[in-house]
Amino acid sequence: MGMRSRVVLGVVALAAFSAVGTAPAQGAPAAVGTYDEFSRLDQRSAGQFGTGDSVAGQWSWRTEPSGEYTINWEVEEPENRERFRRSADGEWLLLDGWGKKGHTYYEQRVTSEKSGDAGCGQMTPIPSEGGRQHYVRWNIPAEGYCLDAEGTIQEEKGGPEIRFRHRQVWSPPQPCSNARFKDRVCITQHEMWWDDNNHPYQKTLDRKVQLAKGLGMAFRIEQTFPQPWSAEMIRQWDY
């Protein structure tokens, strides 16, 4: 799942790599799905996650007139959104930043990005695309892959820079279920986050998040750091 809205804005964001660079290597396996099939980012889709009937959070996607995709992770502040766009070649979903419409916006820009195998081995630099983070591959490869990004986050109108590191391992589609939705297929994001936002540079997050094909975000969440916590999708709808 940027500095991400969960860190700068205090939003619980979920947001969310065997091929290297900006295009599949020669002889790479064919894609086994696309990110939009699992995230439903190109639909007016929404969902709630929690435990039992207790709602811990809510997400909703929309496509902006600019063609960007934005996701909101709040119920009371629907204009607090993370902003994504497709890469020029269509192979990646890029994270630009997040903020509240008409108010503070936080730009996230990477200074280093690498991609490798599911064990985060054979890491190779990813060419920059305007400094935006290569967040996830649009075409899902048959094997897992790792992304490791470092950079800075800064309020658009100025202010101190915050250093961050975001490491992700994306796993290919596998069968999944939760208490409400059985016999589904999910991709999994395992993410770790470090920053120096009002504290010494340190790790602040470690969790796994499943996205279910045809349903969307936060199908299951298993957080191990900074404290154990779990939740799962309890409702999903289009609007």
C-alpha atoms as a PDB file:
ATOM      1  CA  MET A   1       0.000   0.000   0.000  1.00  0.00           C
ATOM      2  CA  GLY A   2       3.727   6.631  -0.933  1.00  0.00           C
ATOM      3  CA  MET A   3       4.956   8.919   2.112  1.00  0.00           C
ATOM      4  CA  ARG A   4       1.347   7.569   1.695  1.00  0.00           C
ATOM      5  CA  SER A   5      -1.607   9.243   3.295  1.00  0.00           C
ATOM      6  CA  ARG A   6      -1.333   6.939   6.292  1.00  0.00           C
ATOM      7  CA  VAL A   7       1.953   8.654   7.297  1.00  0.00           C
ATOM      8  CA  VAL A   8       1.619  12.323   6.294  1.00  0.00           C
ATOM      9  CA  LEU A   9      -2.128  12.706   6.638  1.00  0.00           C
ATOM     10  CA  GLY A  10      -2.765  10.038   9.258  1.00  0.00           C
ATOM     11  CA  VAL A  11      -4.971   8.053   6.868  1.00  0.00           C
ATOM     12  CA  VAL A  12      -4.964   4.248   6.997  1.00  0.00           C
ATOM     13  CA  ALA A  13      -3.895   3.779   3.371  1.00  0.00           C
ATOM     14  CA  LEU A  14      -3.622   0.420   1.639  1.00  0.00           C
ATOM     15  CA  ALA A  15      -2.967   1.044  -0.931  1.00  0.00           C
ATOM     16  CA  ALA A  16      -1.034  -1.435  -2.641  1.00  0.00           C
ATOM     17  CA  PHE A  17       8.126  -8.195  -9.504  1.00  0.00           C
ATOM     18  CA  SER A  18      10.030 -10.676 -11.565  1.00  0.00           C
ATOM     19  CA  ALA A  19      10.306  -8.450 -14.646  1.00  0.00           C
ATOM     20  CA  VAL A  20      12.965  -5.743 -14.609  1.00  0.00           C
ATOM     21  CA  GLY A  21      12.890  -2.204 -15.996  1.00  0.00           C
ATOM     22  CA  THR A  22       9.951  -0.723 -17.824  1.00  0.00           C
ATOM     23  CA  ALA A  23       9.190  -3.614 -20.169  1.00  0.00           C
ATOM     24  CA  PRO A  24       9.128  -7.407 -19.827  1.00  0.00           C
ATOM     25  CA  ALA A  25      12.407  -9.139 -20.556  1.00  0.00           C
ATOM     26  CA  GLN A  26      12.697 -11.242 -23.679  1.00  0.00           C
ATOM     27  CA  GLY A  27      11.204 -14.657 -23.029  1.00  0.00           C
ATOM     28  CA  ALA A  28       9.317 -13.464 -19.914  1.00  0.00           C
ATOM     29  CA  PRO A  29       6.090 -15.382 -19.143  1.00  0.00           C
ATOM     30  CA  ALA A  30       2.837 -13.930 -20.388  1.00  0.00           C
ATOM     31  CA  ALA A  31       0.748 -11.866 -17.981  1.00  0.00           C
ATOM     32  CA  VAL A  32      -1.742 -13.811 -15.872  1.00  0.00           C
ATOM     33  CA  GLY A  33      -4.055 -10.855 -15.298  1.00  0.00           C
ATOM     34  CA  THR A  34      -4.055  -7.098 -14.976  1.00  0.00           C
ATOM     35  CA  TYR A  35      -3.959  -4.881 -11.905  1.00  0.00           C
ATOM     36  CA  ASP A  36      -7.280  -3.231 -12.720  1.00  0.00           C
ATOM     37  CA  GLU A  37      -9.035  -6.629 -12.573  1.00  0.00           C
ATOM     38  CA  PHE A  38      -8.021  -6.950  -8.914  1.00  0.00           C
ATOM     39  CA  SER A  39      -7.998  -3.329  -7.689  1.00  0.00           C
ATOM     40  CA  ARG A  40     -11.019  -2.204  -9.768  1.00  0.00           C
ATOM     41  CA  LEU A  41      -9.373   1.223  -9.954  1.00  0.00           C
ATOM     42  CA  ASP A  42     -11.050   2.025 -13.288  1.00  0.00           C
ATOM     43  CA  GLN A  43     -14.534   1.502 -11.836  1.00  0.00           C
ATOM     44  CA  ARG A  44     -16.528   3.609  -9.413  1.00  0.00           C
ATOM     45  CA  SER A  45     -15.959   0.896  -6.834  1.00  0.00           C
ATOM     46  CA  ALA A  46     -15.846   1.039  -3.053  1.00  0.00           C
ATOM     47  CA  GLY A  47     -15.553  -1.244  -0.060  1.00  0.00           C
ATOM     48  CA  GLN A  48     -15.308  -1.417   3.703  1.00  0.00           C
ATOM     49  CA  PHE A  49     -12.949  -3.510   5.804  1.00  0.00           C
ATOM     50  CA  GLY A  50     -12.911  -4.465   9.455  1.00  0.00           C
ATOM     51  CA  THR A  51     -13.692  -7.372  11.769  1.00  0.00           C
ATOM     52  CA  GLY A  52     -17.133  -8.952  11.916  1.00  0.00           C
ATOM     53  CA  ASP A  53     -19.600  -6.095  11.527  1.00  0.00           C
ATOM     54  CA  SER A  54     -17.145  -3.517  12.911  1.00  0.00           C
ATOM     55  CA  VAL A  55     -15.885  -1.161  10.181  1.00  0.00           C
ATOM     56  CA  ALA A  56     -12.223  -0.099  10.488  1.00  0.00           C
ATOM     57  CA  GLY A  57     -11.983   1.773   7.195  1.00  0.00           C
ATOM     58  CA  GLN A  58     -13.370   2.411   3.736  1.00  0.00           C
ATOM     59  CA  TRP A  59     -11.895   2.865   0.262  1.00  0.00           C
ATOM     60  CA  SER A  60     -13.318   4.206  -3.001  1.00  0.00           C
ATOM     61  CA  TRP A  61     -11.855   4.676  -6.497  1.00  0.00           C
ATOM     62  CA  ARG A  62     -12.674   7.202  -9.150  1.00  0.00           C
ATOM     63  CA  THR A  63     -11.182   8.197 -12.504  1.00  0.00           C
ATOM     64  CA  GLU A  64     -10.470  11.917 -12.795  1.00  0.00           C
ATOM     65  CA  PRO A  65     -11.140  13.966 -15.982  1.00  0.00           C
ATOM     66  CA  SER A  66      -7.334  14.060 -16.408  1.00  0.00           C
ATOM     67  CA  GLY A  67      -7.306  10.264 -16.701  1.00  0.00           C
ATOM     68  CA  GLU A  68      -5.592   9.851 -13.322  1.00  0.00           C
ATOM     69  CA  TYR A  69      -6.928   7.342 -10.824  1.00  0.00           C
ATOM     70  CA  THR A  70      -7.525   8.467  -7.242  1.00  0.00           C
ATOM     71  CA  ILE A  71      -8.385   6.426  -4.175  1.00  0.00           C
ATOM     72  CA  ASN A  72      -9.849   7.734  -0.951  1.00  0.00           C
ATOM     73  CA  TRP A  73      -9.218   5.883   2.314  1.00  0.00           C
ATOM     74  CA  GLU A  74     -11.488   7.931   4.592  1.00  0.00           C
ATOM     75  CA  VAL A  75     -15.194   8.116   5.288  1.00  0.00           C
ATOM     76  CA  GLU A  76     -15.352  11.625   6.772  1.00  0.00           C
ATOM     77  CA  GLU A  77     -12.781  13.270   4.438  1.00  0.00           C
ATOM     78  CA  PRO A  78     -13.628  12.006   0.945  1.00  0.00           C
ATOM     79  CA  GLU A  79     -11.289  14.451  -0.775  1.00  0.00           C
ATOM     80  CA  ASN A  80      -8.156  13.019   0.880  1.00  0.00           C
ATOM     81  CA  ARG A  81      -6.944  10.956  -2.050  1.00  0.00           C
ATOM     82  CA  GLU A  82      -3.870   9.182  -3.342  1.00  0.00           C
ATOM     83  CA  ARG A  83      -3.204  10.040  -6.992  1.00  0.00           C
ATOM     84  CA  PHE A  84      -1.974   7.497  -9.571  1.00  0.00           C
ATOM     85  CA  ARG A  85      -1.368   7.508 -13.327  1.00  0.00           C
ATOM     86  CA  ARG A  86      -0.339   4.971 -15.968  1.00  0.00           C
ATOM     87  CA  SER A  87       3.232   5.103 -17.225  1.00  0.00           C
ATOM     88  CA  ALA A  88       3.859   6.244 -20.791  1.00  0.00           C
ATOM     89  CA  ASP A  89       4.243   2.651 -22.006  1.00  0.00           C
ATOM     90  CA  GLY A  90       1.245   1.430 -19.976  1.00  0.00           C
ATOM     91  CA  GLU A  91       3.342  -1.142 -18.105  1.00  0.00           C
ATOM     92  CA  TRP A  92       3.226   0.517 -14.683  1.00  0.00           C
ATOM     93  CA  LEU A  93       0.915   2.307 -12.284  1.00  0.00           C
ATOM     94  CA  LEU A  94       2.809   5.338 -10.941  1.00  0.00           C
ATOM     95  CA  LEU A  95       2.178   7.061  -7.609  1.00  0.00           C
ATOM     96  CA  ASP A  96       2.336  10.869  -7.755  1.00  0.00           C
ATOM     97  CA  GLY A  97       1.284  11.872  -4.222  1.00  0.00           C
ATOM     98  CA  TRP A  98      -1.814  12.582  -2.158  1.00  0.00           C
ATOM     99  CA  GLY A  99      -3.743  15.353  -0.499  1.00  0.00           C
ATOM    100  CA  LYS A 100      -7.050  17.083  -0.035  1.00  0.00           C
ATOM    101  CA  LYS A 101      -8.589  18.713  -3.104  1.00  0.00           C
ATOM    102  CA  GLY A 102      -8.038  22.459  -3.077  1.00  0.00           C
ATOM    103  CA  HIS A 103      -5.790  22.254  -0.002  1.00  0.00           C
ATOM    104  CA  THR A 104      -2.444  20.705   0.920  1.00  0.00           C
ATOM    105  CA  TYR A 105      -0.927  18.294  -1.588  1.00  0.00           C
ATOM    106  CA  TYR A 106       2.124  16.149  -0.876  1.00  0.00           C
ATOM    107  CA  GLU A 107       4.365  15.238  -3.791  1.00  0.00           C
ATOM    108  CA  GLN A 108       6.329  12.014  -3.526  1.00  0.00           C
ATOM    109  CA  ARG A 109       9.440  11.764  -5.662  1.00  0.00           C
ATOM    110  CA  VAL A 110      11.870   8.875  -5.828  1.00  0.00           C
ATOM    111  CA  THR A 111      15.632   9.234  -6.003  1.00  0.00           C
ATOM    112  CA  SER A 112      16.309   5.501  -6.390  1.00  0.00           C
ATOM    113  CA  GLU A 113      14.175   2.564  -7.562  1.00  0.00           C
ATOM    114  CA  LYS A 114      15.066  -1.072  -8.124  1.00  0.00           C
ATOM    115  CA  SER A 115      13.199  -4.199  -9.208  1.00  0.00           C
ATOM    116  CA  GLY A 116      14.077  -7.846  -8.715  1.00  0.00           C
ATOM    117  CA  ASP A 117      12.769 -11.320  -8.007  1.00  0.00           C
ATOM    118  CA  ALA A 118      10.341 -12.324  -5.256  1.00  0.00           C
ATOM    119  CA  GLY A 119      13.217 -12.765  -2.804  1.00  0.00           C
ATOM    120  CA  CYS A 120      14.423  -9.220  -3.583  1.00  0.00           C
ATOM    121  CA  GLY A 121      17.488 -10.659  -5.294  1.00  0.00           C
ATOM    122  CA  GLN A 122      19.001  -9.598  -8.632  1.00  0.00           C
ATOM    123  CA  MET A 123      17.827  -6.034  -8.018  1.00  0.00           C
ATOM    124  CA  THR A 124      18.215  -3.795 -11.075  1.00  0.00           C
ATOM    125  CA  PRO A 125      17.631  -0.005 -11.310  1.00  0.00           C
ATOM    126  CA  ILE A 126      14.352   1.180 -12.857  1.00  0.00           C
ATOM    127  CA  PRO A 127      14.637   4.214 -15.168  1.00  0.00           C
ATOM    128  CA  SER A 128      12.941   7.278 -13.712  1.00  0.00           C
ATOM    129  CA  GLU A 129       9.606   8.482 -15.058  1.00  0.00           C
ATOM    130  CA  GLY A 130       9.349  12.033 -13.768  1.00  0.00           C
ATOM    131  CA  GLY A 131      10.361  10.892 -10.300  1.00  0.00           C
ATOM    132  CA  ARG A 132       7.029   9.155  -9.678  1.00  0.00           C
ATOM    133  CA  GLN A 133       7.140   5.823  -7.875  1.00  0.00           C
ATOM    134  CA  HIS A 134       6.687   2.662  -9.941  1.00  0.00           C
ATOM    135  CA  TYR A 135       4.039   1.291  -7.600  1.00  0.00           C
ATOM    136  CA  VAL A 136       2.881  -1.904  -9.310  1.00  0.00           C
ATOM    137  CA  ARG A 137       3.024  -3.593 -12.716  1.00  0.00           C
ATOM    138  CA  TRP A 138      -0.160  -3.232 -14.731  1.00  0.00           C
ATOM    139  CA  ASN A 139       0.256  -6.657 -16.355  1.00  0.00           C
ATOM    140  CA  ILE A 140       0.660  -9.212 -13.574  1.00  0.00           C
ATOM    141  CA  PRO A 141       3.536 -11.635 -14.221  1.00  0.00           C
ATOM    142  CA  ALA A 142       3.273 -15.325 -13.335  1.00  0.00           C
ATOM    143  CA  GLU A 143       6.095 -14.997 -10.792  1.00  0.00           C
ATOM    144  CA  GLY A 144       6.378 -12.716  -7.802  1.00  0.00           C
ATOM    145  CA  TYR A 145       8.559  -9.598  -7.944  1.00  0.00           C
ATOM    146  CA  CYS A 146      10.138  -7.024  -5.619  1.00  0.00           C
ATOM    147  CA  LEU A 147      10.223  -3.225  -5.792  1.00  0.00           C
ATOM    148  CA  ASP A 148      12.396  -1.019  -3.588  1.00  0.00           C
ATOM    149  CA  ALA A 149      11.994   2.769  -3.779  1.00  0.00           C
ATOM    150  CA  GLU A 150      13.687   5.581  -1.848  1.00  0.00           C
ATOM    151  CA  GLY A 151      13.060   9.293  -2.072  1.00  0.00           C
ATOM    152  CA  THR A 152      11.453  12.318  -0.498  1.00  0.00           C
ATOM    153  CA  ILE A 153       8.006  13.681   0.275  1.00  0.00           C
ATOM    154  CA  GLN A 154       7.272  17.393   0.460  1.00  0.00           C
ATOM    155  CA  GLU A 155       4.235  19.616   0.654  1.00  0.00           C
ATOM    156  CA  GLU A 156       3.619  21.104  -2.781  1.00  0.00           C
ATOM    157  CA  LYS A 157       3.794  24.659  -1.422  1.00  0.00           C
ATOM    158  CA  GLY A 158       7.044  24.059   0.455  1.00  0.00           C
ATOM    159  CA  GLY A 159       8.035  22.788   3.864  1.00  0.00           C
ATOM    160  CA  PRO A 160      10.523  20.238   5.179  1.00  0.00           C
ATOM    161  CA  GLU A 161      11.429  17.178   3.136  1.00  0.00           C
ATOM    162  CA  ILE A 162      10.649  13.768   4.572  1.00  0.00           C
ATOM    163  CA  ARG A 163      12.866  10.851   3.588  1.00  0.00           C
ATOM    164  CA  PHE A 164      11.186   7.522   2.886  1.00  0.00           C
ATOM    165  CA  ARG A 165      11.831   3.989   1.696  1.00  0.00           C
ATOM    166  CA  HIS A 166       9.056   1.722   0.402  1.00  0.00           C
ATOM    167  CA  ARG A 167       9.782  -1.946  -0.251  1.00  0.00           C
ATOM    168  CA  GLN A 168       7.120  -4.190  -1.805  1.00  0.00           C
ATOM    169  CA  VAL A 169       6.860  -7.811  -2.860  1.00  0.00           C
ATOM    170  CA  TRP A 170       3.911  -8.586  -5.141  1.00  0.00           C
ATOM    171  CA  SER A 171       2.758 -12.204  -5.403  1.00  0.00           C
ATOM    172  CA  PRO A 172       0.843 -13.637  -8.400  1.00  0.00           C
ATOM    173  CA  PRO A 173      -2.833 -14.720  -8.254  1.00  0.00           C
ATOM    174  CA  GLN A 174      -3.693 -17.454  -5.766  1.00  0.00           C
ATOM    175  CA  PRO A 175      -6.938 -18.812  -4.272  1.00  0.00           C
ATOM    176  CA  CYS A 176      -8.202 -16.806  -1.294  1.00  0.00           C
ATOM    177  CA  SER A 177     -11.225 -16.482   0.993  1.00  0.00           C
ATOM    178  CA  ASN A 178     -12.396 -14.473   3.961  1.00  0.00           C
ATOM    179  CA  ALA A 179     -15.384 -14.653   6.316  1.00  0.00           C
ATOM    180  CA  ARG A 180     -17.751 -12.944   3.836  1.00  0.00           C
ATOM    181  CA  PHE A 181     -16.387 -13.892   0.409  1.00  0.00           C
ATOM    182  CA  LYS A 182     -15.392 -17.464  -0.428  1.00  0.00           C
ATOM    183  CA  ASP A 183     -13.503 -19.084  -3.305  1.00  0.00           C
ATOM    184  CA  ARG A 184     -11.875 -15.962  -4.718  1.00  0.00           C
ATOM    185  CA  VAL A 185      -8.564 -15.240  -6.448  1.00  0.00           C
ATOM    186  CA  CYS A 186      -6.162 -12.664  -4.962  1.00  0.00           C
ATOM    187  CA  ILE A 187      -2.849 -10.965  -5.566  1.00  0.00           C
ATOM    188  CA  THR A 188      -0.839 -10.070  -2.456  1.00  0.00           C
ATOM    189  CA  GLN A 189       1.236  -7.001  -1.636  1.00  0.00           C
ATOM    190  CA  HIS A 190       3.786  -7.335   1.177  1.00  0.00           C
ATOM    191  CA  GLU A 191       5.009  -3.846   1.986  1.00  0.00           C
ATOM    192  CA  MET A 192       7.490  -2.295   4.392  1.00  0.00           C
ATOM    193  CA  TRP A 193       7.912   1.438   4.998  1.00  0.00           C
ATOM    194  CA  TRP A 194      10.622   3.614   6.567  1.00  0.00           C
ATOM    195  CA  ASP A 195      10.628   7.398   7.106  1.00  0.00           C
ATOM    196  CA  ASP A 196      11.900  10.274   9.288  1.00  0.00           C
ATOM    197  CA  ASN A 197       8.583  12.072   9.711  1.00  0.00           C
ATOM    198  CA  ASN A 198       9.022  13.854  13.080  1.00  0.00           C
ATOM    199  CA  HIS A 199      11.292  11.081  14.365  1.00  0.00           C
ATOM    200  CA  PRO A 200      14.664   9.508  13.529  1.00  0.00           C
ATOM    201  CA  TYR A 201      14.708   7.537  10.275  1.00  0.00           C
ATOM    202  CA  GLN A 202      13.183   4.144  11.090  1.00  0.00           C
ATOM    203  CA  LYS A 203      10.836   1.386   9.991  1.00  0.00           C
ATOM    204  CA  THR A 204       7.185   2.305  10.618  1.00  0.00           C
ATOM    205  CA  LEU A 205       5.122  -0.360   8.815  1.00  0.00           C
ATOM    206  CA  ASP A 206       5.158  -4.037   7.804  1.00  0.00           C
ATOM    207  CA  ARG A 207       2.030  -5.709   6.447  1.00  0.00           C
ATOM    208  CA  LYS A 208       0.476  -7.925   3.786  1.00  0.00           C
ATOM    209  CA  VAL A 209      -2.621  -6.873   1.852  1.00  0.00           C
ATOM    210  CA  GLN A 210      -4.698  -9.009  -0.519  1.00  0.00           C
ATOM    211  CA  LEU A 211      -6.684  -7.620  -3.474  1.00  0.00           C
ATOM    212  CA  ALA A 212      -9.468  -9.881  -4.776  1.00  0.00           C
ATOM    213  CA  LYS A 213     -10.294 -10.193  -8.460  1.00  0.00           C
ATOM    214  CA  GLY A 214     -13.631  -8.541  -9.206  1.00  0.00           C
ATOM    215  CA  LEU A 215     -13.963  -7.174  -5.654  1.00  0.00           C
ATOM    216  CA  GLY A 216     -11.064  -4.785  -5.054  1.00  0.00           C
ATOM    217  CA  MET A 217      -8.874  -3.493  -2.259  1.00  0.00           C
ATOM    218  CA  ALA A 218      -8.293  -4.648   1.326  1.00  0.00           C
ATOM    219  CA  PHE A 219      -9.707  -8.148   0.896  1.00  0.00           C
ATOM    220  CA  ARG A 220      -7.481  -9.218   3.775  1.00  0.00           C
ATOM    221  CA  ILE A 221      -4.928  -7.226   5.795  1.00  0.00           C
ATOM    222  CA  GLU A 222      -2.322  -8.788   8.081  1.00  0.00           C
ATOM    223  CA  GLN A 223      -0.116  -6.213   9.808  1.00  0.00           C
ATOM    224  CA  THR A 224       2.861  -7.280  11.954  1.00  0.00           C
ATOM    225  CA  PHE A 225       4.491  -3.878  12.677  1.00  0.00           C
ATOM    226  CA  PRO A 226       4.277  -1.482  14.476  1.00  0.00           C
ATOM    227  CA  GLN A 227       1.735  -3.740  16.182  1.00  0.00           C
ATOM    228  CA  PRO A 228      -0.190  -6.860  15.127  1.00  0.00           C
ATOM    229  CA  TRP A 229      -3.504  -5.996  13.473  1.00  0.00           C
ATOM    230  CA  SER A 230      -5.787  -7.658  10.953  1.00  0.00           C
ATOM    231  CA  ALA A 231      -8.962  -6.868   9.020  1.00  0.00           C
ATOM    232  CA  GLU A 232     -10.827  -8.065   5.955  1.00  0.00           C
ATOM    233  CA  MET A 233     -13.365  -6.885   3.418  1.00  0.00           C
ATOM    234  CA  ILE A 234     -16.881  -6.910   4.833  1.00  0.00           C
ATOM    235  CA  ARG A 235     -18.731  -4.974   2.095  1.00  0.00           C
ATOM    236  CA  GLN A 236     -18.166  -4.064  -1.556  1.00  0.00           C
ATOM    237  CA  TRP A 237     -20.278  -1.996  -3.957  1.00  0.00           C
ATOM    238  CA  ASP A 238     -20.265   0.225  -7.041  1.00  0.00           C
ATOM    239  CA  TYR A 239     -21.549   3.789  -6.929  1.00  0.00           C
END
